[in-house]
Amino acid sequence: MSSTAAIVAIVVLALAVVAIVAAVVSRHRRTEALRQRFGPEYERALDERHSRSAAERELQQRERRHAELQLRELDPQQRQRYAEQWERMQAHFVEEPEAATREADELVTKVMGERGYPVEDFDTRVQDLSVDHAETLGHYRDAHEINKVNERGQASTEQLRQALMHYRLLFAELLGDASGGRPTPRHG
């Protein structure tokens, strides 16, 4: 083998090693970015897909779909109106916990729609919310499950109370409000 051929072989091998290292680093960065953005949803997708690449493809697909949504913030009057509705619904819980829990689900869904999230079915809502609300999504899932038990007339009052607390966390995030869904005092 000539020295020129040996040099070419070494350069080709070095370029291949650099390409492999770059691909590994790129994949690691993508994984870390997805883990950071999706938090517990990343692990959930991994458990459901049984393959890191399949889970990551799904999460990237959620990001692409989310980027196409026309999301908007609520104006202060809308936030106040929804926060007041939440307070009324929460007060209603004392007398009719089953009805109040259904109202909480409906109110959260209504705020999602007002913000620009498609609300046609639960799975779509969860996927779209996972991009910006991954940390509270587990609460929403828990509330939804309790509400399904409630629809069958089998939820205890304690379960309904828990559902309301779960709904409130996502509700407050959707309002863009750190008060936990409580109305802010009116001034003036």
Protein backbone atom coordinates (compact mmCIF):
# COMPACT_ATOMS: atom_id res chain seq x y z
CA MET A 1 0.00 0.00 0.00
CA SER A 2 1.41 3.36 -0.98
CA SER A 3 1.80 6.20 1.47
CA THR A 4 -0.84 8.22 -0.41
CA ALA A 5 -3.34 5.38 -0.11
CA ALA A 6 -2.52 5.01 3.59
CA ILE A 7 -3.05 8.74 4.17
CA VAL A 8 -6.38 8.65 2.30
CA ALA A 9 -7.46 5.60 4.35
CA ILE A 10 -6.51 7.37 7.61
CA VAL A 11 -8.37 10.55 6.56
CA VAL A 12 -11.47 8.55 5.57
CA LEU A 13 -11.34 6.65 8.87
CA ALA A 14 -10.89 9.89 10.84
CA LEU A 15 -13.84 11.49 9.01
CA ALA A 16 -15.98 8.43 9.76
CA VAL A 17 -15.07 8.61 13.46
CA VAL A 18 -15.85 12.35 13.53
CA ALA A 19 -19.21 11.72 11.82
CA ILE A 20 -20.09 8.98 14.31
CA VAL A 21 -19.11 11.15 17.28
CA ALA A 22 -21.11 14.07 15.86
CA ALA A 23 -24.17 11.83 15.39
CA VAL A 24 -23.90 10.51 18.95
CA VAL A 25 -23.50 14.02 20.38
CA SER A 26 -26.40 15.29 18.28
CA ARG A 27 -28.66 12.46 19.41
CA HIS A 28 -27.68 13.03 23.03
CA ARG A 29 -28.47 16.75 22.74
CA ARG A 30 -31.83 16.01 21.11
CA THR A 31 -32.66 13.51 23.86
CA GLU A 32 -31.72 15.98 26.59
CA ALA A 33 -33.71 18.77 24.94
CA LEU A 34 -36.79 16.53 24.72
CA ARG A 35 -36.35 15.38 28.33
CA GLN A 36 -36.07 18.99 29.44
CA ARG A 37 -39.12 20.12 27.49
CA PHE A 38 -41.41 17.18 28.19
CA GLY A 39 -40.29 16.21 31.70
CA PRO A 40 -42.41 13.28 32.92
CA GLU A 41 -44.07 13.00 29.50
CA TYR A 42 -40.72 11.93 28.05
CA GLU A 43 -40.57 8.94 30.40
CA ARG A 44 -44.24 8.15 29.76
CA ALA A 45 -43.66 8.15 25.98
CA LEU A 46 -40.61 5.93 26.48
CA ASP A 47 -42.65 3.45 28.56
CA GLU A 48 -45.46 3.39 25.99
CA ARG A 49 -43.25 3.04 22.91
CA HIS A 50 -40.58 0.69 24.32
CA SER A 51 -38.08 2.36 22.00
CA ARG A 52 -36.23 5.61 22.57
CA SER A 53 -36.24 6.53 18.89
CA ALA A 54 -39.99 5.85 18.52
CA ALA A 55 -40.78 7.84 21.67
CA GLU A 56 -38.61 10.73 20.53
CA ARG A 57 -40.18 10.72 17.06
CA GLU A 58 -43.62 10.94 18.67
CA LEU A 59 -42.56 13.83 20.92
CA GLN A 60 -41.03 15.67 17.96
CA GLN A 61 -44.28 15.11 16.05
CA ARG A 62 -46.14 16.68 18.99
CA GLU A 63 -43.80 19.69 18.80
CA ARG A 64 -44.45 20.09 15.08
CA ARG A 65 -48.23 19.88 15.55
CA HIS A 66 -48.04 22.31 18.46
CA ALA A 67 -46.05 24.78 16.36
CA GLU A 68 -48.96 24.89 13.89
CA LEU A 69 -51.51 25.79 16.59
CA GLN A 70 -52.69 29.38 16.83
CA LEU A 71 -52.35 29.64 20.62
CA ARG A 72 -53.15 32.89 22.39
CA GLU A 73 -53.06 34.27 25.89
CA LEU A 74 -56.28 35.20 27.61
CA ASP A 75 -56.87 38.88 28.16
CA PRO A 76 -57.25 40.07 31.78
CA GLN A 77 -61.05 40.22 31.55
CA GLN A 78 -61.24 36.64 30.27
CA ARG A 79 -58.90 35.47 33.02
CA GLN A 80 -61.02 37.21 35.64
CA ARG A 81 -64.27 35.81 34.21
CA TYR A 82 -62.92 32.25 34.15
CA ALA A 83 -61.41 32.59 37.62
CA GLU A 84 -64.80 33.72 38.93
CA GLN A 85 -66.48 30.76 37.20
CA TRP A 86 -63.95 28.49 38.90
CA GLU A 87 -64.80 30.01 42.30
CA ARG A 88 -68.53 29.46 41.73
CA MET A 89 -67.93 25.89 40.60
CA GLN A 90 -65.72 25.23 43.60
CA ALA A 91 -68.38 26.61 45.98
CA HIS A 92 -70.92 24.37 44.19
CA PHE A 93 -68.73 21.38 45.11
CA VAL A 94 -69.96 21.46 48.72
CA GLU A 95 -73.55 20.82 47.68
CA GLU A 96 -73.04 18.72 44.55
CA PRO A 97 -69.52 17.32 44.22
CA GLU A 98 -70.41 15.11 41.24
CA ALA A 99 -71.83 17.99 39.22
CA ALA A 100 -69.02 20.34 40.25
CA THR A 101 -66.40 17.85 39.05
CA ARG A 102 -68.09 17.63 35.66
CA GLU A 103 -68.23 21.44 35.58
CA ALA A 104 -64.49 21.60 36.35
CA ASP A 105 -63.75 19.31 33.42
CA GLU A 106 -65.95 21.40 31.14
CA LEU A 107 -64.38 24.66 32.32
CA VAL A 108 -60.83 23.41 31.78
CA THR A 109 -61.81 22.22 28.29
CA LYS A 110 -63.48 25.56 27.55
CA VAL A 111 -60.37 27.51 28.56
CA MET A 112 -58.23 25.20 26.39
CA GLY A 113 -60.45 25.96 23.41
CA GLU A 114 -60.37 29.68 24.17
CA ARG A 115 -56.56 29.53 24.21
CA GLY A 116 -56.56 27.84 20.78
CA TYR A 117 -56.04 24.19 21.68
CA PRO A 118 -58.11 21.69 19.69
CA VAL A 119 -60.48 20.02 22.13
CA GLU A 120 -62.10 17.32 19.99
CA ASP A 121 -60.91 14.37 22.09
CA PHE A 122 -58.95 13.73 25.26
CA ASP A 123 -55.93 12.08 23.60
CA THR A 124 -55.46 15.02 21.24
CA ARG A 125 -55.78 17.47 24.14
CA VAL A 126 -53.14 15.59 26.11
CA GLN A 127 -50.71 15.48 23.20
CA ASP A 128 -51.11 19.19 22.46
CA LEU A 129 -50.90 20.21 26.12
CA SER A 130 -47.79 18.06 26.67
CA VAL A 131 -45.58 20.49 24.79
CA ASP A 132 -46.15 23.46 27.14
CA HIS A 133 -47.75 21.84 30.19
CA ALA A 134 -45.91 18.55 30.64
CA GLU A 135 -45.37 19.06 34.36
CA THR A 136 -49.10 19.33 35.15
CA LEU A 137 -50.31 16.86 32.55
CA GLY A 138 -50.23 13.95 35.00
CA HIS A 139 -52.68 15.87 37.17
CA TYR A 140 -54.99 16.38 34.19
CA ARG A 141 -54.86 12.68 33.36
CA ASP A 142 -55.64 11.79 36.99
CA ALA A 143 -58.57 14.23 37.07
CA HIS A 144 -59.90 12.82 33.79
CA GLU A 145 -59.76 9.26 35.12
CA ILE A 146 -61.62 10.24 38.29
CA ASN A 147 -64.18 12.10 36.20
CA LYS A 148 -64.78 8.92 34.15
CA VAL A 149 -65.43 7.05 37.42
CA ASN A 150 -67.72 9.94 38.41
CA GLU A 151 -69.69 9.56 35.16
CA ARG A 152 -70.41 5.97 36.18
CA GLY A 153 -71.56 7.21 39.61
CA GLN A 154 -68.76 5.37 41.40
CA ALA A 155 -66.44 8.15 42.60
CA SER A 156 -66.12 8.90 46.29
CA THR A 157 -66.29 12.47 47.56
CA GLU A 158 -62.57 12.28 48.35
CA GLN A 159 -61.79 11.20 44.79
CA LEU A 160 -63.90 14.08 43.47
CA ARG A 161 -62.03 16.50 45.75
CA GLN A 162 -58.74 15.18 44.40
CA ALA A 163 -60.00 15.57 40.82
CA LEU A 164 -60.87 19.19 41.52
CA MET A 165 -57.37 19.82 42.89
CA HIS A 166 -55.84 18.16 39.82
CA TYR A 167 -58.00 20.20 37.44
CA ARG A 168 -57.13 23.41 39.30
CA LEU A 169 -53.41 23.02 38.61
CA LEU A 170 -53.86 22.88 34.84
CA PHE A 171 -56.62 25.50 34.97
CA ALA A 172 -54.27 27.97 36.68
CA GLU A 173 -51.55 27.33 34.10
CA LEU A 174 -53.98 27.81 31.24
CA LEU A 175 -55.15 31.08 32.74
CA GLY A 176 -51.54 32.22 32.78
CA ASP A 177 -51.96 32.94 36.44
CA ALA A 178 -49.92 31.93 39.48
CA SER A 179 -52.86 32.28 41.89
CA GLY A 180 -53.91 28.64 41.47
CA GLY A 181 -57.16 29.58 39.76
CA ARG A 182 -58.38 32.03 42.39
CA PRO A 183 -59.71 35.38 41.16
CA THR A 184 -57.46 38.35 41.48
CA PRO A 185 -58.86 41.33 43.37
CA ARG A 186 -60.38 44.05 41.22
CA HIS A 187 -58.92 47.50 41.60
CA GLY A 188 -60.72 50.72 41.18
